[in-house]
PDB file of N, CA and C in Angstrom:
ATOM      1  N   MET A   1     -37.427 -44.304 -88.078  1.00  0.00           N
ATOM      2  CA  MET A   1     -36.505 -45.246 -88.931  1.00  0.00           C
ATOM      3  C   MET A   1     -34.847 -44.918 -87.645  1.00  0.00           C
ATOM      4  N   THR A   2     -34.600 -45.744 -87.460  1.00  0.00           N
ATOM      5  CA  THR A   2     -33.477 -46.365 -86.923  1.00  0.00           C
ATOM      6  C   THR A   2     -32.306 -46.319 -88.419  1.00  0.00           C
ATOM      7  N   LYS A   3     -31.534 -45.888 -87.664  1.00  0.00           N
ATOM      8  CA  LYS A   3     -29.850 -45.525 -88.381  1.00  0.00           C
ATOM      9  C   LYS A   3     -29.413 -47.084 -88.273  1.00  0.00           C
ATOM     10  N   THR A   4     -29.509 -47.610 -89.218  1.00  0.00           N
ATOM     11  CA  THR A   4     -28.151 -48.716 -87.833  1.00  0.00           C
ATOM     12  C   THR A   4     -27.332 -49.122 -89.121  1.00  0.00           C
ATOM     13  N   ILE A   5     -25.615 -49.517 -89.080  1.00  0.00           N
ATOM     14  CA  ILE A   5     -24.815 -49.334 -90.301  1.00  0.00           C
ATOM     15  C   ILE A   5     -24.425 -51.074 -89.652  1.00  0.00           C
ATOM     16  N   LEU A   6     -23.879 -51.605 -90.644  1.00  0.00           N
ATOM     17  CA  LEU A   6     -23.049 -52.870 -90.301  1.00  0.00           C
ATOM     18  C   LEU A   6     -21.020 -52.058 -90.893  1.00  0.00           C
ATOM     19  N   LEU A   7     -20.351 -51.817 -89.480  1.00  0.00           N
ATOM     20  CA  LEU A   7     -18.994 -52.483 -90.068  1.00  0.00           C
ATOM     21  C   LEU A   7     -18.374 -52.744 -89.793  1.00  0.00           C
ATOM     22  N   VAL A   8     -17.374 -53.256 -90.349  1.00  0.00           N
ATOM     23  CA  VAL A   8     -16.645 -54.206 -90.838  1.00  0.00           C
ATOM     24  C   VAL A   8     -14.642 -54.201 -91.196  1.00  0.00           C
ATOM     25  N   GLU A   9     -14.416 -54.415 -90.075  1.00  0.00           N
ATOM     26  CA  GLU A   9     -12.274 -53.715 -90.402  1.00  0.00           C
ATOM     27  C   GLU A   9     -11.828 -54.454 -89.488  1.00  0.00           C
ATOM     28  N   ASP A  10     -10.768 -54.607 -89.785  1.00  0.00           N
ATOM     29  CA  ASP A  10      -9.581 -55.659 -88.933  1.00  0.00           C
ATOM     30  C   ASP A  10      -8.745 -55.545 -88.733  1.00  0.00           C
ATOM     31  N   GLU A  11      -8.884 -54.006 -88.062  1.00  0.00           N
ATOM     32  CA  GLU A  11      -8.054 -53.106 -86.999  1.00  0.00           C
ATOM     33  C   GLU A  11      -8.749 -52.550 -85.662  1.00  0.00           C
ATOM     34  N   PHE A  12      -7.922 -53.417 -84.708  1.00  0.00           N
ATOM     35  CA  PHE A  12      -9.262 -53.759 -83.218  1.00  0.00           C
ATOM     36  C   PHE A  12      -9.233 -52.075 -83.055  1.00  0.00           C
ATOM     37  N   LEU A  13      -8.235 -51.423 -82.697  1.00  0.00           N
ATOM     38  CA  LEU A  13      -8.578 -49.727 -82.542  1.00  0.00           C
ATOM     39  C   LEU A  13      -9.267 -48.913 -83.246  1.00  0.00           C
ATOM     40  N   ILE A  14      -9.158 -48.931 -84.350  1.00  0.00           N
ATOM     41  CA  ILE A  14      -9.346 -48.266 -85.398  1.00  0.00           C
ATOM     42  C   ILE A  14     -11.252 -48.457 -85.415  1.00  0.00           C
ATOM     43  N   THR A  15     -11.893 -49.871 -84.973  1.00  0.00           N
ATOM     44  CA  THR A  15     -12.873 -50.290 -85.098  1.00  0.00           C
ATOM     45  C   THR A  15     -13.420 -49.950 -83.615  1.00  0.00           C
ATOM     46  N   ILE A  16     -12.859 -49.687 -82.347  1.00  0.00           N
ATOM     47  CA  ILE A  16     -13.929 -49.401 -81.196  1.00  0.00           C
ATOM     48  C   ILE A  16     -13.824 -47.832 -82.153  1.00  0.00           C
ATOM     49  N   ASP A  17     -12.888 -47.085 -82.219  1.00  0.00           N
ATOM     50  CA  ASP A  17     -12.403 -45.872 -82.584  1.00  0.00           C
ATOM     51  C   ASP A  17     -14.212 -45.612 -83.303  1.00  0.00           C
ATOM     52  N   LEU A  18     -14.188 -46.073 -84.496  1.00  0.00           N
ATOM     53  CA  LEU A  18     -15.307 -45.653 -85.202  1.00  0.00           C
ATOM     54  C   LEU A  18     -16.217 -46.293 -84.990  1.00  0.00           C
ATOM     55  N   GLN A  19     -16.595 -47.143 -83.702  1.00  0.00           N
ATOM     56  CA  GLN A  19     -17.725 -48.140 -83.273  1.00  0.00           C
ATOM     57  C   GLN A  19     -18.168 -46.753 -82.299  1.00  0.00           C
ATOM     58  N   MET A  20     -17.381 -45.830 -81.944  1.00  0.00           N
ATOM     59  CA  MET A  20     -17.486 -45.227 -80.267  1.00  0.00           C
ATOM     60  C   MET A  20     -17.959 -44.238 -81.503  1.00  0.00           C
ATOM     61  N   LEU A  21     -17.133 -42.975 -82.398  1.00  0.00           N
ATOM     62  CA  LEU A  21     -18.005 -41.714 -83.370  1.00  0.00           C
ATOM     63  C   LEU A  21     -19.449 -42.396 -84.046  1.00  0.00           C
ATOM     64  N   LEU A  22     -19.499 -43.038 -84.540  1.00  0.00           N
ATOM     65  CA  LEU A  22     -20.765 -43.778 -85.293  1.00  0.00           C
ATOM     66  C   LEU A  22     -22.109 -43.827 -84.138  1.00  0.00           C
ATOM     67  N   GLU A  23     -22.486 -44.216 -83.277  1.00  0.00           N
ATOM     68  CA  GLU A  23     -22.712 -43.849 -81.575  1.00  0.00           C
ATOM     69  C   GLU A  23     -23.085 -43.171 -81.339  1.00  0.00           C
ATOM     70  N   ARG A  24     -21.964 -42.026 -81.382  1.00  0.00           N
ATOM     71  CA  ARG A  24     -22.603 -40.729 -80.554  1.00  0.00           C
ATOM     72  C   ARG A  24     -23.252 -39.751 -81.984  1.00  0.00           C
ATOM     73  N   ARG A  25     -22.998 -39.904 -83.096  1.00  0.00           N
ATOM     74  CA  ARG A  25     -23.731 -39.617 -83.859  1.00  0.00           C
ATOM     75  C   ARG A  25     -24.857 -40.024 -84.553  1.00  0.00           C
ATOM     76  N   GLY A  26     -25.576 -41.153 -83.602  1.00  0.00           N
ATOM     77  CA  GLY A  26     -26.599 -41.804 -83.653  1.00  0.00           C
ATOM     78  C   GLY A  26     -26.971 -43.354 -84.034  1.00  0.00           C
ATOM     79  N   TRP A  27     -26.000 -43.570 -84.800  1.00  0.00           N
ATOM     80  CA  TRP A  27     -25.955 -45.057 -85.384  1.00  0.00           C
ATOM     81  C   TRP A  27     -25.868 -45.986 -84.628  1.00  0.00           C
ATOM     82  N   THR A  28     -27.166 -46.878 -85.109  1.00  0.00           N
ATOM     83  CA  THR A  28     -27.451 -48.508 -83.837  1.00  0.00           C
ATOM     84  C   THR A  28     -25.865 -49.191 -84.587  1.00  0.00           C
ATOM     85  N   VAL A  29     -24.709 -49.751 -84.180  1.00  0.00           N
ATOM     86  CA  VAL A  29     -23.775 -50.570 -85.120  1.00  0.00           C
ATOM     87  C   VAL A  29     -23.869 -52.002 -85.014  1.00  0.00           C
ATOM     88  N   ILE A  30     -23.916 -52.207 -86.270  1.00  0.00           N
ATOM     89  CA  ILE A  30     -24.277 -54.036 -85.941  1.00  0.00           C
ATOM     90  C   ILE A  30     -22.974 -54.720 -86.368  1.00  0.00           C
ATOM     91  N   GLY A  31     -22.257 -55.011 -85.674  1.00  0.00           N
ATOM     92  CA  GLY A  31     -21.270 -55.169 -85.412  1.00  0.00           C
ATOM     93  C   GLY A  31     -20.103 -55.358 -84.601  1.00  0.00           C
ATOM     94  N   PRO A  32     -18.736 -54.891 -84.369  1.00  0.00           N
ATOM     95  CA  PRO A  32     -17.856 -54.789 -85.999  1.00  0.00           C
ATOM     96  C   PRO A  32     -18.196 -56.462 -86.140  1.00  0.00           C
ATOM     97  N   ALA A  33     -17.556 -55.979 -87.378  1.00  0.00           N
ATOM     98  CA  ALA A  33     -16.816 -57.686 -87.598  1.00  0.00           C
ATOM     99  C   ALA A  33     -15.356 -57.502 -88.259  1.00  0.00           C
ATOM    100  N   ALA A  34     -14.718 -58.437 -87.858  1.00  0.00           N
ATOM    101  CA  ALA A  34     -13.100 -58.112 -88.491  1.00  0.00           C
ATOM    102  C   ALA A  34     -13.186 -59.676 -89.876  1.00  0.00           C
ATOM    103  N   THR A  35     -14.035 -60.113 -90.201  1.00  0.00           N
ATOM    104  CA  THR A  35     -14.372 -60.343 -91.203  1.00  0.00           C
ATOM    105  C   THR A  35     -15.545 -61.041 -92.358  1.00  0.00           C
ATOM    106  N   VAL A  36     -14.916 -60.874 -93.571  1.00  0.00           N
ATOM    107  CA  VAL A  36     -16.065 -61.476 -93.915  1.00  0.00           C
ATOM    108  C   VAL A  36     -16.899 -62.347 -93.641  1.00  0.00           C
ATOM    109  N   ARG A  37     -16.618 -63.622 -93.219  1.00  0.00           N
ATOM    110  CA  ARG A  37     -17.132 -64.311 -92.911  1.00  0.00           C
ATOM    111  C   ARG A  37     -18.109 -63.669 -91.850  1.00  0.00           C
ATOM    112  N   GLU A  38     -17.394 -63.403 -90.402  1.00  0.00           N
ATOM    113  CA  GLU A  38     -18.197 -62.227 -90.105  1.00  0.00           C
ATOM    114  C   GLU A  38     -19.884 -61.548 -90.026  1.00  0.00           C
ATOM    115  N   ALA A  39     -19.355 -60.745 -91.298  1.00  0.00           N
ATOM    116  CA  ALA A  39     -20.683 -60.262 -91.351  1.00  0.00           C
ATOM    117  C   ALA A  39     -20.905 -60.233 -92.814  1.00  0.00           C
ATOM    118  N   LEU A  40     -20.882 -61.697 -93.007  1.00  0.00           N
ATOM    119  CA  LEU A  40     -22.040 -62.347 -94.070  1.00  0.00           C
ATOM    120  C   LEU A  40     -23.061 -63.200 -92.591  1.00  0.00           C
ATOM    121  N   SER A  41     -22.601 -63.255 -91.403  1.00  0.00           N
ATOM    122  CA  SER A  41     -22.953 -64.424 -90.334  1.00  0.00           C
ATOM    123  C   SER A  41     -24.343 -63.136 -89.509  1.00  0.00           C
ATOM    124  N   LEU A  42     -23.169 -61.750 -90.266  1.00  0.00           N
ATOM    125  CA  LEU A  42     -24.021 -60.800 -88.811  1.00  0.00           C
ATOM    126  C   LEU A  42     -25.867 -59.762 -89.926  1.00  0.00           C
ATOM    127  N   LEU A  43     -25.250 -60.718 -91.585  1.00  0.00           N
ATOM    128  CA  LEU A  43     -26.393 -60.551 -91.983  1.00  0.00           C
ATOM    129  C   LEU A  43     -27.490 -60.962 -92.356  1.00  0.00           C
ATOM    130  N   ASP A  44     -27.082 -62.258 -91.718  1.00  0.00           N
ATOM    131  CA  ASP A  44     -28.346 -63.108 -91.820  1.00  0.00           C
ATOM    132  C   ASP A  44     -29.263 -62.995 -90.604  1.00  0.00           C
ATOM    133  N   ASP A  45     -28.303 -62.265 -89.110  1.00  0.00           N
ATOM    134  CA  ASP A  45     -29.975 -61.379 -88.438  1.00  0.00           C
ATOM    135  C   ASP A  45     -30.643 -60.616 -88.232  1.00  0.00           C
ATOM    136  N   SER A  46     -29.854 -59.577 -89.495  1.00  0.00           N
ATOM    137  CA  SER A  46     -30.446 -57.840 -89.632  1.00  0.00           C
ATOM    138  C   SER A  46     -30.162 -57.701 -91.022  1.00  0.00           C
ATOM    139  N   LEU A  47     -30.469 -56.220 -91.332  1.00  0.00           N
ATOM    140  CA  LEU A  47     -30.112 -56.034 -92.792  1.00  0.00           C
ATOM    141  C   LEU A  47     -29.696 -55.142 -92.516  1.00  0.00           C
ATOM    142  N   PRO A  48     -28.770 -54.125 -92.594  1.00  0.00           N
ATOM    143  CA  PRO A  48     -28.066 -52.746 -91.933  1.00  0.00           C
ATOM    144  C   PRO A  48     -28.921 -51.949 -92.765  1.00  0.00           C
ATOM    145  N   SER A  49     -28.980 -50.309 -92.343  1.00  0.00           N
ATOM    146  CA  SER A  49     -29.414 -48.900 -93.623  1.00  0.00           C
ATOM    147  C   SER A  49     -28.373 -49.203 -94.753  1.00  0.00           C
ATOM    148  N   VAL A  50     -26.922 -48.980 -93.959  1.00  0.00           N
ATOM    149  CA  VAL A  50     -25.107 -48.957 -94.633  1.00  0.00           C
ATOM    150  C   VAL A  50     -24.495 -49.777 -94.083  1.00  0.00           C
ATOM    151  N   ALA A  51     -23.596 -49.880 -95.236  1.00  0.00           N
ATOM    152  CA  ALA A  51     -22.377 -50.415 -94.304  1.00  0.00           C
ATOM    153  C   ALA A  51     -20.914 -50.043 -94.307  1.00  0.00           C
ATOM    154  N   LEU A  52     -20.497 -49.964 -93.756  1.00  0.00           N
ATOM    155  CA  LEU A  52     -18.833 -49.344 -93.681  1.00  0.00           C
ATOM    156  C   LEU A  52     -17.436 -50.883 -93.541  1.00  0.00           C
ATOM    157  N   LEU A  53     -17.396 -50.455 -95.005  1.00  0.00           N
ATOM    158  CA  LEU A  53     -15.961 -51.809 -94.927  1.00  0.00           C
ATOM    159  C   LEU A  53     -14.827 -51.122 -94.972  1.00  0.00           C
ATOM    160  N   HIS A  54     -14.005 -51.955 -94.461  1.00  0.00           N
ATOM    161  CA  HIS A  54     -12.436 -52.002 -95.170  1.00  0.00           C
ATOM    162  C   HIS A  54     -12.012 -53.158 -96.200  1.00  0.00           C
ATOM    163  N   VAL A  55     -11.693 -52.291 -97.424  1.00  0.00           N
ATOM    164  CA  VAL A  55     -11.255 -53.937 -97.808  1.00  0.00           C
ATOM    165  C   VAL A  55      -9.736 -52.848 -98.610  1.00  0.00           C
ATOM    166  N   HIS A  56      -9.791 -54.430 -97.680  1.00  0.00           N
ATOM    167  CA  HIS A  56      -7.832 -54.472 -98.356  1.00  0.00           C
ATOM    168  C   HIS A  56      -7.017 -55.210 -99.232  1.00  0.00           C
TER     169      HIS A  56
END
């Protein structure tokens, strides 16, 4: 089973850092998405194992 994660973060540098960290640990990153609208659009195509959201 592939480990997939939806990454939702609006800060570009944090997003890139998190994506690289997760991919080095074997996760397949869906996204990243900077907005809720983008995240919902990504969910239309695939369902991740988990989601990492920055909620502010």
